[in-house]
Amino acid sequence: MSAFSTLKETERTQIWPGVVGRLVKGRNLTVGVVEVEPGGVVPEHHHSQEQIGFVIEGSVRCRCGGEERELGPGGTYHIVDDVPHEFTAGPGGAVLADLFAPPRQDWDALEVLPPATPRWPRT
């Protein structure tokens, strides 16, 4: 197994309707490049992993615990384990980078989608 790949080669995983992730899985963390369609919703949920992420492209409205904020490119978030949170993409959709530790093993059972050109990077 090579240490190198590209997002285009990384299989797509259907996380929620309108929310697709390209996941890079390691022994101690999962990294996801997550594409959210315009107006798409990552519904309220919580998990045992710590999550740190940032907006690569587009915008999201993020609610984490009792705090809510609109984030654009470069906006970051830090969600500690088991805190309820949700995201709603803006009118142009969003591309997010999410890092989870320990790994998101629950995502291993999600539907794998056919290959498609990633929304980001635009090459």
PDB file of N, CA and C in Angstrom:
ATOM      1  N   MET A   1       0.838  -1.182   0.000  1.00  0.00           N
ATOM      2  CA  MET A   1       0.000   0.000   0.000  1.00  0.00           C
ATOM      3  C   MET A   1       0.876   1.236   0.000  1.00  0.00           C
ATOM      4  N   SER A   2       0.625   2.129  -0.929  1.00  0.00           N
ATOM      5  CA  SER A   2       1.421   3.347  -1.046  1.00  0.00           C
ATOM      6  C   SER A   2       1.048   4.352   0.038  1.00  0.00           C
ATOM      7  N   ALA A   3       2.002   5.169   0.402  1.00  0.00           N
ATOM      8  CA  ALA A   3       1.768   6.249   1.351  1.00  0.00           C
ATOM      9  C   ALA A   3       1.125   7.453   0.678  1.00  0.00           C
ATOM     10  N   PHE A   4       0.996   7.413  -0.667  1.00  0.00           N
ATOM     11  CA  PHE A   4       0.533   8.582  -1.413  1.00  0.00           C
ATOM     12  C   PHE A   4      -0.710   8.274  -2.231  1.00  0.00           C
ATOM     13  N   SER A   5      -1.536   9.307  -2.434  1.00  0.00           N
ATOM     14  CA  SER A   5      -2.737   9.193  -3.253  1.00  0.00           C
ATOM     15  C   SER A   5      -3.183  10.604  -3.622  1.00  0.00           C
ATOM     16  N   THR A   6      -4.332  10.716  -4.271  1.00  0.00           N
ATOM     17  CA  THR A   6      -4.942  12.017  -4.561  1.00  0.00           C
ATOM     18  C   THR A   6      -6.406  11.939  -4.158  1.00  0.00           C
ATOM     19  N   LEU A   7      -7.030  13.091  -3.988  1.00  0.00           N
ATOM     20  CA  LEU A   7      -8.464  13.086  -3.673  1.00  0.00           C
ATOM     21  C   LEU A   7      -9.271  12.442  -4.791  1.00  0.00           C
ATOM     22  N   LYS A   8      -8.842  12.641  -6.012  1.00  0.00           N
ATOM     23  CA  LYS A   8      -9.561  12.050  -7.146  1.00  0.00           C
ATOM     24  C   LYS A   8      -9.566  10.523  -7.066  1.00  0.00           C
ATOM     25  N   GLU A   9      -8.499   9.929  -6.524  1.00  0.00           N
ATOM     26  CA  GLU A   9      -8.393   8.477  -6.404  1.00  0.00           C
ATOM     27  C   GLU A   9      -9.077   7.936  -5.142  1.00  0.00           C
ATOM     28  N   THR A  10      -9.396   8.805  -4.209  1.00  0.00           N
ATOM     29  CA  THR A  10      -9.960   8.388  -2.933  1.00  0.00           C
ATOM     30  C   THR A  10     -11.449   8.118  -3.085  1.00  0.00           C
ATOM     31  N   GLU A  11     -11.907   6.946  -2.643  1.00  0.00           N
ATOM     32  CA  GLU A  11     -13.316   6.613  -2.815  1.00  0.00           C
ATOM     33  C   GLU A  11     -14.197   7.581  -2.024  1.00  0.00           C
ATOM     34  N   ARG A  12     -15.379   7.774  -2.575  1.00  0.00           N
ATOM     35  CA  ARG A  12     -16.361   8.681  -1.984  1.00  0.00           C
ATOM     36  C   ARG A  12     -17.297   7.880  -1.079  1.00  0.00           C
ATOM     37  N   THR A  13     -17.631   8.454   0.056  1.00  0.00           N
ATOM     38  CA  THR A  13     -18.519   7.810   1.011  1.00  0.00           C
ATOM     39  C   THR A  13     -19.725   8.708   1.245  1.00  0.00           C
ATOM     40  N   GLN A  14     -20.922   8.137   1.123  1.00  0.00           N
ATOM     41  CA  GLN A  14     -22.156   8.877   1.395  1.00  0.00           C
ATOM     42  C   GLN A  14     -22.346   8.927   2.901  1.00  0.00           C
ATOM     43  N   ILE A  15     -22.182  10.104   3.499  1.00  0.00           N
ATOM     44  CA  ILE A  15     -22.289  10.232   4.947  1.00  0.00           C
ATOM     45  C   ILE A  15     -23.732  10.540   5.343  1.00  0.00           C
ATOM     46  N   TRP A  16     -24.345  11.532   4.701  1.00  0.00           N
ATOM     47  CA  TRP A  16     -25.759  11.865   4.834  1.00  0.00           C
ATOM     48  C   TRP A  16     -26.238  12.281   3.455  1.00  0.00           C
ATOM     49  N   PRO A  17     -27.543  12.405   3.231  1.00  0.00           N
ATOM     50  CA  PRO A  17     -28.012  12.917   1.939  1.00  0.00           C
ATOM     51  C   PRO A  17     -27.384  14.300   1.669  1.00  0.00           C
ATOM     52  N   GLY A  18     -26.778  14.440   0.492  1.00  0.00           N
ATOM     53  CA  GLY A  18     -26.138  15.705   0.137  1.00  0.00           C
ATOM     54  C   GLY A  18     -24.795  15.954   0.784  1.00  0.00           C
ATOM     55  N   VAL A  19     -24.269  14.948   1.492  1.00  0.00           N
ATOM     56  CA  VAL A  19     -22.985  15.094   2.194  1.00  0.00           C
ATOM     57  C   VAL A  19     -22.113  13.886   1.845  1.00  0.00           C
ATOM     58  N   VAL A  20     -21.011  14.156   1.134  1.00  0.00           N
ATOM     59  CA  VAL A  20     -20.119  13.101   0.665  1.00  0.00           C
ATOM     60  C   VAL A  20     -18.715  13.371   1.206  1.00  0.00           C
ATOM     61  N   GLY A  21     -18.056  12.317   1.683  1.00  0.00           N
ATOM     62  CA  GLY A  21     -16.707  12.467   2.205  1.00  0.00           C
ATOM     63  C   GLY A  21     -15.708  11.629   1.444  1.00  0.00           C
ATOM     64  N   ARG A  22     -14.525  12.132   1.322  1.00  0.00           N
ATOM     65  CA  ARG A  22     -13.378  11.372   0.816  1.00  0.00           C
ATOM     66  C   ARG A  22     -12.481  11.187   2.031  1.00  0.00           C
ATOM     67  N   LEU A  23     -12.358   9.937   2.462  1.00  0.00           N
ATOM     68  CA  LEU A  23     -11.753   9.658   3.754  1.00  0.00           C
ATOM     69  C   LEU A  23     -10.360   9.071   3.612  1.00  0.00           C
ATOM     70  N   VAL A  24      -9.448   9.608   4.383  1.00  0.00           N
ATOM     71  CA  VAL A  24      -8.101   9.072   4.500  1.00  0.00           C
ATOM     72  C   VAL A  24      -8.006   8.542   5.920  1.00  0.00           C
ATOM     73  N   LYS A  25      -7.803   7.224   6.028  1.00  0.00           N
ATOM     74  CA  LYS A  25      -7.879   6.568   7.331  1.00  0.00           C
ATOM     75  C   LYS A  25      -6.492   6.146   7.795  1.00  0.00           C
ATOM     76  N   GLY A  26      -6.206   6.503   9.028  1.00  0.00           N
ATOM     77  CA  GLY A  26      -4.947   6.081   9.641  1.00  0.00           C
ATOM     78  C   GLY A  26      -5.224   5.242  10.871  1.00  0.00           C
ATOM     79  N   ARG A  27      -4.164   4.831  11.540  1.00  0.00           N
ATOM     80  CA  ARG A  27      -4.335   4.038  12.755  1.00  0.00           C
ATOM     81  C   ARG A  27      -4.899   4.868  13.897  1.00  0.00           C
ATOM     82  N   ASN A  28      -4.555   6.167  13.935  1.00  0.00           N
ATOM     83  CA  ASN A  28      -4.910   6.996  15.077  1.00  0.00           C
ATOM     84  C   ASN A  28      -5.844   8.160  14.759  1.00  0.00           C
ATOM     85  N   LEU A  29      -6.177   8.357  13.481  1.00  0.00           N
ATOM     86  CA  LEU A  29      -7.094   9.421  13.125  1.00  0.00           C
ATOM     87  C   LEU A  29      -7.714   9.158  11.760  1.00  0.00           C
ATOM     88  N   THR A  30      -8.822   9.847  11.516  1.00  0.00           N
ATOM     89  CA  THR A  30      -9.466   9.858  10.203  1.00  0.00           C
ATOM     90  C   THR A  30      -9.482  11.295   9.728  1.00  0.00           C
ATOM     91  N   VAL A  31      -9.117  11.507   8.468  1.00  0.00           N
ATOM     92  CA  VAL A  31      -9.220  12.818   7.834  1.00  0.00           C
ATOM     93  C   VAL A  31     -10.266  12.695   6.746  1.00  0.00           C
ATOM     94  N   GLY A  32     -11.209  13.623   6.731  1.00  0.00           N
ATOM     95  CA  GLY A  32     -12.230  13.622   5.701  1.00  0.00           C
ATOM     96  C   GLY A  32     -12.258  14.951   4.981  1.00  0.00           C
ATOM     97  N   VAL A  33     -12.273  14.905   3.660  1.00  0.00           N
ATOM     98  CA  VAL A  33     -12.578  16.093   2.867  1.00  0.00           C
ATOM     99  C   VAL A  33     -14.049  15.919   2.510  1.00  0.00           C
ATOM    100  N   VAL A  34     -14.888  16.758   3.085  1.00  0.00           N
ATOM    101  CA  VAL A  34     -16.332  16.582   3.040  1.00  0.00           C
ATOM    102  C   VAL A  34     -16.958  17.651   2.152  1.00  0.00           C
ATOM    103  N   GLU A  35     -17.719  17.193   1.159  1.00  0.00           N
ATOM    104  CA  GLU A  35     -18.421  18.089   0.244  1.00  0.00           C
ATOM    105  C   GLU A  35     -19.891  18.115   0.645  1.00  0.00           C
ATOM    106  N   VAL A  36     -20.422  19.323   0.882  1.00  0.00           N
ATOM    107  CA  VAL A  36     -21.813  19.490   1.276  1.00  0.00           C
ATOM    108  C   VAL A  36     -22.504  20.302   0.188  1.00  0.00           C
ATOM    109  N   GLU A  37     -23.587  19.758  -0.371  1.00  0.00           N
ATOM    110  CA  GLU A  37     -24.280  20.447  -1.457  1.00  0.00           C
ATOM    111  C   GLU A  37     -24.906  21.745  -0.942  1.00  0.00           C
ATOM    112  N   PRO A  38     -25.215  22.689  -1.841  1.00  0.00           N
ATOM    113  CA  PRO A  38     -25.841  23.946  -1.415  1.00  0.00           C
ATOM    114  C   PRO A  38     -27.072  23.699  -0.543  1.00  0.00           C
ATOM    115  N   GLY A  39     -27.093  24.310   0.622  1.00  0.00           N
ATOM    116  CA  GLY A  39     -28.187  24.135   1.564  1.00  0.00           C
ATOM    117  C   GLY A  39     -28.199  22.799   2.267  1.00  0.00           C
ATOM    118  N   GLY A  40     -27.206  21.939   1.988  1.00  0.00           N
ATOM    119  CA  GLY A  40     -27.142  20.606   2.595  1.00  0.00           C
ATOM    120  C   GLY A  40     -26.943  20.681   4.100  1.00  0.00           C
ATOM    121  N   VAL A  41     -27.454  19.674   4.778  1.00  0.00           N
ATOM    122  CA  VAL A  41     -27.420  19.659   6.239  1.00  0.00           C
ATOM    123  C   VAL A  41     -26.699  18.427   6.756  1.00  0.00           C
ATOM    124  N   VAL A  42     -25.776  18.657   7.656  1.00  0.00           N
ATOM    125  CA  VAL A  42     -25.212  17.600   8.483  1.00  0.00           C
ATOM    126  C   VAL A  42     -26.041  17.676   9.755  1.00  0.00           C
ATOM    127  N   PRO A  43     -26.994  16.746   9.940  1.00  0.00           N
ATOM    128  CA  PRO A  43     -27.932  16.878  11.052  1.00  0.00           C
ATOM    129  C   PRO A  43     -27.248  16.769  12.408  1.00  0.00           C
ATOM    130  N   GLU A  44     -27.938  17.297  13.417  1.00  0.00           N
ATOM    131  CA  GLU A  44     -27.371  17.238  14.758  1.00  0.00           C
ATOM    132  C   GLU A  44     -27.000  15.797  15.108  1.00  0.00           C
ATOM    133  N   HIS A  45     -25.809  15.651  15.630  1.00  0.00           N
ATOM    134  CA  HIS A  45     -25.311  14.356  16.051  1.00  0.00           C
ATOM    135  C   HIS A  45     -24.170  14.578  17.035  1.00  0.00           C
ATOM    136  N   HIS A  46     -23.683  13.512  17.606  1.00  0.00           N
ATOM    137  CA  HIS A  46     -22.486  13.581  18.455  1.00  0.00           C
ATOM    138  C   HIS A  46     -21.762  12.251  18.318  1.00  0.00           C
ATOM    139  N   HIS A  47     -20.510  12.245  18.662  1.00  0.00           N
ATOM    140  CA  HIS A  47     -19.693  11.041  18.549  1.00  0.00           C
ATOM    141  C   HIS A  47     -18.581  11.090  19.580  1.00  0.00           C
ATOM    142  N   SER A  48     -17.956   9.955  19.787  1.00  0.00           N
ATOM    143  CA  SER A  48     -16.932   9.848  20.831  1.00  0.00           C
ATOM    144  C   SER A  48     -15.582  10.428  20.408  1.00  0.00           C
ATOM    145  N   GLN A  49     -15.447  10.805  19.131  1.00  0.00           N
ATOM    146  CA  GLN A  49     -14.176  11.343  18.655  1.00  0.00           C
ATOM    147  C   GLN A  49     -14.121  12.864  18.846  1.00  0.00           C
ATOM    148  N   GLU A  50     -12.921  13.353  19.132  1.00  0.00           N
ATOM    149  CA  GLU A  50     -12.665  14.785  19.054  1.00  0.00           C
ATOM    150  C   GLU A  50     -12.606  15.133  17.572  1.00  0.00           C
ATOM    151  N   GLN A  51     -13.143  16.297  17.191  1.00  0.00           N
ATOM    152  CA  GLN A  51     -13.177  16.713  15.791  1.00  0.00           C
ATOM    153  C   GLN A  51     -12.627  18.126  15.672  1.00  0.00           C
ATOM    154  N   ILE A  52     -11.685  18.290  14.770  1.00  0.00           N
ATOM    155  CA  ILE A  52     -11.153  19.610  14.439  1.00  0.00           C
ATOM    156  C   ILE A  52     -11.280  19.756  12.936  1.00  0.00           C
ATOM    157  N   GLY A  53     -11.753  20.922  12.493  1.00  0.00           N
ATOM    158  CA  GLY A  53     -11.931  21.089  11.062  1.00  0.00           C
ATOM    159  C   GLY A  53     -11.840  22.534  10.634  1.00  0.00           C
ATOM    160  N   PHE A  54     -11.891  22.711   9.310  1.00  0.00           N
ATOM    161  CA  PHE A  54     -11.893  24.057   8.752  1.00  0.00           C
ATOM    162  C   PHE A  54     -12.594  24.052   7.405  1.00  0.00           C
ATOM    163  N   VAL A  55     -13.070  25.220   7.032  1.00  0.00           N
ATOM    164  CA  VAL A  55     -13.762  25.395   5.753  1.00  0.00           C
ATOM    165  C   VAL A  55     -12.717  25.666   4.687  1.00  0.00           C
ATOM    166  N   ILE A  56     -12.739  24.859   3.640  1.00  0.00           N
ATOM    167  CA  ILE A  56     -11.832  25.056   2.508  1.00  0.00           C
ATOM    168  C   ILE A  56     -12.468  25.995   1.496  1.00  0.00           C
ATOM    169  N   GLU A  57     -13.744  25.769   1.227  1.00  0.00           N
ATOM    170  CA  GLU A  57     -14.454  26.515   0.178  1.00  0.00           C
ATOM    171  C   GLU A  57     -15.920  26.630   0.578  1.00  0.00           C
ATOM    172  N   GLY A  58     -16.569  27.739   0.191  1.00  0.00           N
ATOM    173  CA  GLY A  58     -17.984  27.929   0.476  1.00  0.00           C
ATOM    174  C   GLY A  58     -18.197  28.420   1.898  1.00  0.00           C
ATOM    175  N   SER A  59     -19.380  28.119   2.438  1.00  0.00           N
ATOM    176  CA  SER A  59     -19.693  28.565   3.795  1.00  0.00           C
ATOM    177  C   SER A  59     -20.619  27.565   4.468  1.00  0.00           C
ATOM    178  N   VAL A  60     -20.577  27.574   5.812  1.00  0.00           N
ATOM    179  CA  VAL A  60     -21.459  26.746   6.624  1.00  0.00           C
ATOM    180  C   VAL A  60     -21.907  27.533   7.843  1.00  0.00           C
ATOM    181  N   ARG A  61     -23.093  27.210   8.292  1.00  0.00           N
ATOM    182  CA  ARG A  61     -23.583  27.664   9.588  1.00  0.00           C
ATOM    183  C   ARG A  61     -23.353  26.487  10.514  1.00  0.00           C
ATOM    184  N   CYS A  62     -22.551  26.687  11.542  1.00  0.00           N
ATOM    185  CA  CYS A  62     -22.185  25.608  12.457  1.00  0.00           C
ATOM    186  C   CYS A  62     -22.746  25.904  13.836  1.00  0.00           C
ATOM    187  N   ARG A  63     -23.410  24.914  14.385  1.00  0.00           N
ATOM    188  CA  ARG A  63     -23.863  25.001  15.768  1.00  0.00           C
ATOM    189  C   ARG A  63     -23.170  23.894  16.542  1.00  0.00           C
ATOM    190  N   CYS A  64     -22.512  24.287  17.614  1.00  0.00           N
ATOM    191  CA  CYS A  64     -21.761  23.348  18.451  1.00  0.00           C
ATOM    192  C   CYS A  64     -22.124  23.640  19.899  1.00  0.00           C
ATOM    193  N   GLY A  65     -22.813  22.678  20.521  1.00  0.00           N
ATOM    194  CA  GLY A  65     -23.298  22.938  21.872  1.00  0.00           C
ATOM    195  C   GLY A  65     -24.259  24.115  21.822  1.00  0.00           C
ATOM    196  N   GLY A  66     -24.040  25.115  22.621  1.00  0.00           N
ATOM    197  CA  GLY A  66     -24.899  26.295  22.646  1.00  0.00           C
ATOM    198  C   GLY A  66     -24.392  27.455  21.806  1.00  0.00           C
ATOM    199  N   GLU A  67     -23.326  27.243  21.041  1.00  0.00           N
ATOM    200  CA  GLU A  67     -22.721  28.322  20.251  1.00  0.00           C
ATOM    201  C   GLU A  67     -22.988  28.098  18.767  1.00  0.00           C
ATOM    202  N   GLU A  68     -23.252  29.181  18.030  1.00  0.00           N
ATOM    203  CA  GLU A  68     -23.517  29.081  16.597  1.00  0.00           C
ATOM    204  C   GLU A  68     -22.731  30.162  15.866  1.00  0.00           C
ATOM    205  N   ARG A  69     -22.218  29.795  14.688  1.00  0.00           N
ATOM    206  CA  ARG A  69     -21.418  30.761  13.934  1.00  0.00           C
ATOM    207  C   ARG A  69     -21.460  30.438  12.454  1.00  0.00           C
ATOM    208  N   GLU A  70     -21.393  31.476  11.619  1.00  0.00           N
ATOM    209  CA  GLU A  70     -21.254  31.357  10.168  1.00  0.00           C
ATOM    210  C   GLU A  70     -19.757  31.335   9.880  1.00  0.00           C
ATOM    211  N   LEU A  71     -19.319  30.322   9.121  1.00  0.00           N
ATOM    212  CA  LEU A  71     -17.896  30.173   8.816  1.00  0.00           C
ATOM    213  C   LEU A  71     -17.694  30.143   7.304  1.00  0.00           C
ATOM    214  N   GLY A  72     -16.677  30.856   6.847  1.00  0.00           N
ATOM    215  CA  GLY A  72     -16.281  30.831   5.450  1.00  0.00           C
ATOM    216  C   GLY A  72     -14.894  30.244   5.325  1.00  0.00           C
ATOM    217  N   PRO A  73     -14.296  30.328   4.138  1.00  0.00           N
ATOM    218  CA  PRO A  73     -12.968  29.748   3.923  1.00  0.00           C
ATOM    219  C   PRO A  73     -11.971  30.197   4.995  1.00  0.00           C
ATOM    220  N   GLY A  74     -11.309  29.218   5.578  1.00  0.00           N
ATOM    221  CA  GLY A  74     -10.340  29.489   6.640  1.00  0.00           C
ATOM    222  C   GLY A  74     -10.942  29.451   8.032  1.00  0.00           C
ATOM    223  N   GLY A  75     -12.275  29.453   8.144  1.00  0.00           N
ATOM    224  CA  GLY A  75     -12.917  29.355   9.453  1.00  0.00           C
ATOM    225  C   GLY A  75     -12.691  27.978  10.048  1.00  0.00           C
ATOM    226  N   THR A  76     -12.415  27.925  11.338  1.00  0.00           N
ATOM    227  CA  THR A  76     -12.099  26.657  11.995  1.00  0.00           C
ATOM    228  C   THR A  76     -13.115  26.334  13.087  1.00  0.00           C
ATOM    229  N   TYR A  77     -13.154  25.060  13.457  1.00  0.00           N
ATOM    230  CA  TYR A  77     -13.989  24.624  14.566  1.00  0.00           C
ATOM    231  C   TYR A  77     -13.288  23.490  15.304  1.00  0.00           C
ATOM    232  N   HIS A  78     -13.585  23.413  16.584  1.00  0.00           N
ATOM    233  CA  HIS A  78     -13.045  22.359  17.443  1.00  0.00           C
ATOM    234  C   HIS A  78     -14.218  21.824  18.250  1.00  0.00           C
ATOM    235  N   ILE A  79     -14.536  20.553  18.069  1.00  0.00           N
ATOM    236  CA  ILE A  79     -15.677  19.939  18.727  1.00  0.00           C
ATOM    237  C   ILE A  79     -15.147  18.814  19.612  1.00  0.00           C
ATOM    238  N   VAL A  80     -15.331  18.962  20.912  1.00  0.00           N
ATOM    239  CA  VAL A  80     -14.868  17.911  21.815  1.00  0.00           C
ATOM    240  C   VAL A  80     -15.835  16.735  21.759  1.00  0.00           C
ATOM    241  N   ASP A  81     -15.376  15.587  22.206  1.00  0.00           N
ATOM    242  CA  ASP A  81     -16.176  14.368  22.134  1.00  0.00           C
ATOM    243  C   ASP A  81     -17.533  14.525  22.833  1.00  0.00           C
ATOM    244  N   ASP A  82     -18.549  13.935  22.183  1.00  0.00           N
ATOM    245  CA  ASP A  82     -19.922  13.836  22.681  1.00  0.00           C
ATOM    246  C   ASP A  82     -20.666  15.162  22.801  1.00  0.00           C
ATOM    247  N   VAL A  83     -20.200  16.229  22.171  1.00  0.00           N
ATOM    248  CA  VAL A  83     -20.945  17.493  22.146  1.00  0.00           C
ATOM    249  C   VAL A  83     -21.822  17.512  20.891  1.00  0.00           C
ATOM    250  N   PRO A  84     -23.130  17.728  21.035  1.00  0.00           N
ATOM    251  CA  PRO A  84     -24.004  17.790  19.860  1.00  0.00           C
ATOM    252  C   PRO A  84     -23.615  18.957  18.951  1.00  0.00           C
ATOM    253  N   HIS A  85     -23.633  18.675  17.635  1.00  0.00           N
ATOM    254  CA  HIS A  85     -23.288  19.716  16.665  1.00  0.00           C
ATOM    255  C   HIS A  85     -23.980  19.437  15.339  1.00  0.00           C
ATOM    256  N   GLU A  86     -24.121  20.484  14.522  1.00  0.00           N
ATOM    257  CA  GLU A  86     -24.712  20.353  13.193  1.00  0.00           C
ATOM    258  C   GLU A  86     -24.163  21.441  12.288  1.00  0.00           C
ATOM    259  N   PHE A  87     -24.243  21.195  10.973  1.00  0.00           N
ATOM    260  CA  PHE A  87     -23.766  22.126   9.962  1.00  0.00           C
ATOM    261  C   PHE A  87     -24.841  22.282   8.894  1.00  0.00           C
ATOM    262  N   THR A  88     -24.982  23.501   8.374  1.00  0.00           N
ATOM    263  CA  THR A  88     -25.833  23.752   7.215  1.00  0.00           C
ATOM    264  C   THR A  88     -25.009  24.547   6.218  1.00  0.00           C
ATOM    265  N   ALA A  89     -24.865  24.021   4.996  1.00  0.00           N
ATOM    266  CA  ALA A  89     -24.064  24.701   3.978  1.00  0.00           C
ATOM    267  C   ALA A  89     -24.802  25.923   3.445  1.00  0.00           C
ATOM    268  N   GLY A  90     -24.034  26.917   3.032  1.00  0.00           N
ATOM    269  CA  GLY A  90     -24.587  28.112   2.430  1.00  0.00           C
ATOM    270  C   GLY A  90     -25.065  27.840   1.005  1.00  0.00           C
ATOM    271  N   PRO A  91     -25.482  28.900   0.304  1.00  0.00           N
ATOM    272  CA  PRO A  91     -26.061  28.733  -1.035  1.00  0.00           C
ATOM    273  C   PRO A  91     -25.095  28.192  -2.080  1.00  0.00           C
ATOM    274  N   GLY A  92     -23.798  28.290  -1.845  1.00  0.00           N
ATOM    275  CA  GLY A  92     -22.812  27.752  -2.784  1.00  0.00           C
ATOM    276  C   GLY A  92     -22.269  26.402  -2.356  1.00  0.00           C
ATOM    277  N   GLY A  93     -22.833  25.819  -1.295  1.00  0.00           N
ATOM    278  CA  GLY A  93     -22.295  24.575  -0.776  1.00  0.00           C
ATOM    279  C   GLY A  93     -21.021  24.829   0.020  1.00  0.00           C
ATOM    280  N   ALA A  94     -20.337  23.760   0.369  1.00  0.00           N
ATOM    281  CA  ALA A  94     -19.115  23.897   1.157  1.00  0.00           C
ATOM    282  C   ALA A  94     -18.227  22.675   0.968  1.00  0.00           C
ATOM    283  N   VAL A  95     -16.940  22.896   1.130  1.00  0.00           N
ATOM    284  CA  VAL A  95     -15.957  21.822   1.230  1.00  0.00           C
ATOM    285  C   VAL A  95     -15.253  22.024   2.564  1.00  0.00           C
ATOM    286  N   LEU A  96     -15.268  20.977   3.390  1.00  0.00           N
ATOM    287  CA  LEU A  96     -14.702  21.035   4.727  1.00  0.00           C
ATOM    288  C   LEU A  96     -13.585  20.012   4.863  1.00  0.00           C
ATOM    289  N   ALA A  97     -12.618  20.312   5.686  1.00  0.00           N
ATOM    290  CA  ALA A  97     -11.606  19.327   6.076  1.00  0.00           C
ATOM    291  C   ALA A  97     -11.857  18.999   7.536  1.00  0.00           C
ATOM    292  N   ASP A  98     -12.084  17.713   7.823  1.00  0.00           N
ATOM    293  CA  ASP A  98     -12.368  17.270   9.182  1.00  0.00           C
ATOM    294  C   ASP A  98     -11.334  16.248   9.623  1.00  0.00           C
ATOM    295  N   LEU A  99     -10.841  16.416  10.831  1.00  0.00           N
ATOM    296  CA  LEU A  99      -9.900  15.470  11.429  1.00  0.00           C
ATOM    297  C   LEU A  99     -10.537  14.912  12.691  1.00  0.00           C
ATOM    298  N   PHE A 100     -10.532  13.587  12.806  1.00  0.00           N
ATOM    299  CA  PHE A 100     -11.145  12.906  13.937  1.00  0.00           C
ATOM    300  C   PHE A 100     -10.118  12.015  14.620  1.00  0.00           C
ATOM    301  N   ALA A 101     -10.072  12.109  15.943  1.00  0.00           N
ATOM    302  CA  ALA A 101      -9.224  11.205  16.708  1.00  0.00           C
ATOM    303  C   ALA A 101     -10.005  10.771  17.944  1.00  0.00           C
ATOM    304  N   PRO A 102     -10.030   9.485  18.226  1.00  0.00           N
ATOM    305  CA  PRO A 102      -9.542   8.378  17.416  1.00  0.00           C
ATOM    306  C   PRO A 102     -10.330   8.255  16.113  1.00  0.00           C
ATOM    307  N   PRO A 103      -9.966   7.320  15.242  1.00  0.00           N
ATOM    308  CA  PRO A 103     -10.597   7.203  13.919  1.00  0.00           C
ATOM    309  C   PRO A 103     -12.108   6.987  13.982  1.00  0.00           C
ATOM    310  N   ARG A 104     -12.804   7.412  12.907  1.00  0.00           N
ATOM    311  CA  ARG A 104     -14.249   7.208  12.758  1.00  0.00           C
ATOM    312  C   ARG A 104     -14.497   5.833  12.164  1.00  0.00           C
ATOM    313  N   GLN A 105     -14.447   4.801  12.965  1.00  0.00           N
ATOM    314  CA  GLN A 105     -14.675   3.451  12.470  1.00  0.00           C
ATOM    315  C   GLN A 105     -16.130   3.228  12.085  1.00  0.00           C
ATOM    316  N   ASP A 106     -17.054   4.025  12.637  1.00  0.00           N
ATOM    317  CA  ASP A 106     -18.461   3.879  12.276  1.00  0.00           C
ATOM    318  C   ASP A 106     -18.700   4.210  10.804  1.00  0.00           C
ATOM    319  N   TRP A 107     -17.835   4.987  10.191  1.00  0.00           N
ATOM    320  CA  TRP A 107     -17.992   5.347   8.781  1.00  0.00           C
ATOM    321  C   TRP A 107     -17.610   4.193   7.853  1.00  0.00           C
ATOM    322  N   ASP A 108     -16.952   3.168   8.375  1.00  0.00           N
ATOM    323  CA  ASP A 108     -16.558   2.026   7.541  1.00  0.00           C
ATOM    324  C   ASP A 108     -17.768   1.299   6.953  1.00  0.00           C
ATOM    325  N   ALA A 109     -18.917   1.401   7.595  1.00  0.00           N
ATOM    326  CA  ALA A 109     -20.123   0.699   7.142  1.00  0.00           C
ATOM    327  C   ALA A 109     -20.966   1.531   6.164  1.00  0.00           C
ATOM    328  N   LEU A 110     -20.557   2.758   5.870  1.00  0.00           N
ATOM    329  CA  LEU A 110     -21.348   3.636   5.005  1.00  0.00           C
ATOM    330  C   LEU A 110     -21.188   3.262   3.534  1.00  0.00           C
ATOM    331  N   GLU A 111     -22.166   3.694   2.738  1.00  0.00           N
ATOM    332  CA  GLU A 111     -22.188   3.397   1.303  1.00  0.00           C
ATOM    333  C   GLU A 111     -21.023   4.071   0.576  1.00  0.00           C
ATOM    334  N   VAL A 112     -20.340   3.280  -0.241  1.00  0.00           N
ATOM    335  CA  VAL A 112     -19.272   3.808  -1.085  1.00  0.00           C
ATOM    336  C   VAL A 112     -19.882   4.142  -2.437  1.00  0.00           C
ATOM    337  N   LEU A 113     -19.596   5.336  -2.937  1.00  0.00           N
ATOM    338  CA  LEU A 113     -20.154   5.825  -4.193  1.00  0.00           C
ATOM    339  C   LEU A 113     -19.179   5.624  -5.345  1.00  0.00           C
ATOM    340  N   PRO A 114     -19.686   5.647  -6.586  1.00  0.00           N
ATOM    341  CA  PRO A 114     -18.783   5.554  -7.734  1.00  0.00           C
ATOM    342  C   PRO A 114     -17.820   6.736  -7.770  1.00  0.00           C
ATOM    343  N   PRO A 115     -16.676   6.569  -8.416  1.00  0.00           N
ATOM    344  CA  PRO A 115     -15.710   7.667  -8.517  1.00  0.00           C
ATOM    345  C   PRO A 115     -16.329   8.895  -9.204  1.00  0.00           C
ATOM    346  N   ALA A 116     -15.859  10.046  -8.818  1.00  0.00           N
ATOM    347  CA  ALA A 116     -16.280  11.312  -9.417  1.00  0.00           C
ATOM    348  C   ALA A 116     -15.212  12.345  -9.138  1.00  0.00           C
ATOM    349  N   THR A 117     -15.120  13.318 -10.001  1.00  0.00           N
ATOM    350  CA  THR A 117     -14.136  14.383  -9.792  1.00  0.00           C
ATOM    351  C   THR A 117     -14.506  15.181  -8.566  1.00  0.00           C
ATOM    352  N   PRO A 118     -13.548  15.390  -7.659  1.00  0.00           N
ATOM    353  CA  PRO A 118     -13.860  16.162  -6.447  1.00  0.00           C
ATOM    354  C   PRO A 118     -14.182  17.611  -6.769  1.00  0.00           C
ATOM    355  N   ARG A 119     -14.991  18.205  -5.928  1.00  0.00           N
ATOM    356  CA  ARG A 119     -15.321  19.620  -6.085  1.00  0.00           C
ATOM    357  C   ARG A 119     -14.087  20.476  -5.837  1.00  0.00           C
ATOM    358  N   TRP A 120     -13.192  19.980  -4.994  1.00  0.00           N
ATOM    359  CA  TRP A 120     -11.965  20.692  -4.660  1.00  0.00           C
ATOM    360  C   TRP A 120     -10.840  19.668  -4.622  1.00  0.00           C
ATOM    361  N   PRO A 121      -9.666  19.972  -5.045  1.00  0.00           N
ATOM    362  CA  PRO A 121      -9.251  21.222  -5.679  1.00  0.00           C
ATOM    363  C   PRO A 121      -9.749  21.317  -7.106  1.00  0.00           C
ATOM    364  N   ARG A 122      -9.899  22.510  -7.560  1.00  0.00           N
ATOM    365  CA  ARG A 122     -10.410  22.740  -8.925  1.00  0.00           C
ATOM    366  C   ARG A 122      -9.264  22.639  -9.921  1.00  0.00           C
ATOM    367  N   THR A 123      -8.952  21.402 -10.323  1.00  0.00           N
ATOM    368  CA  THR A 123      -7.873  21.199 -11.296  1.00  0.00           C
ATOM    369  C   THR A 123      -8.340  20.314 -12.422  1.00  0.00           C
TER     370      THR A 123
END
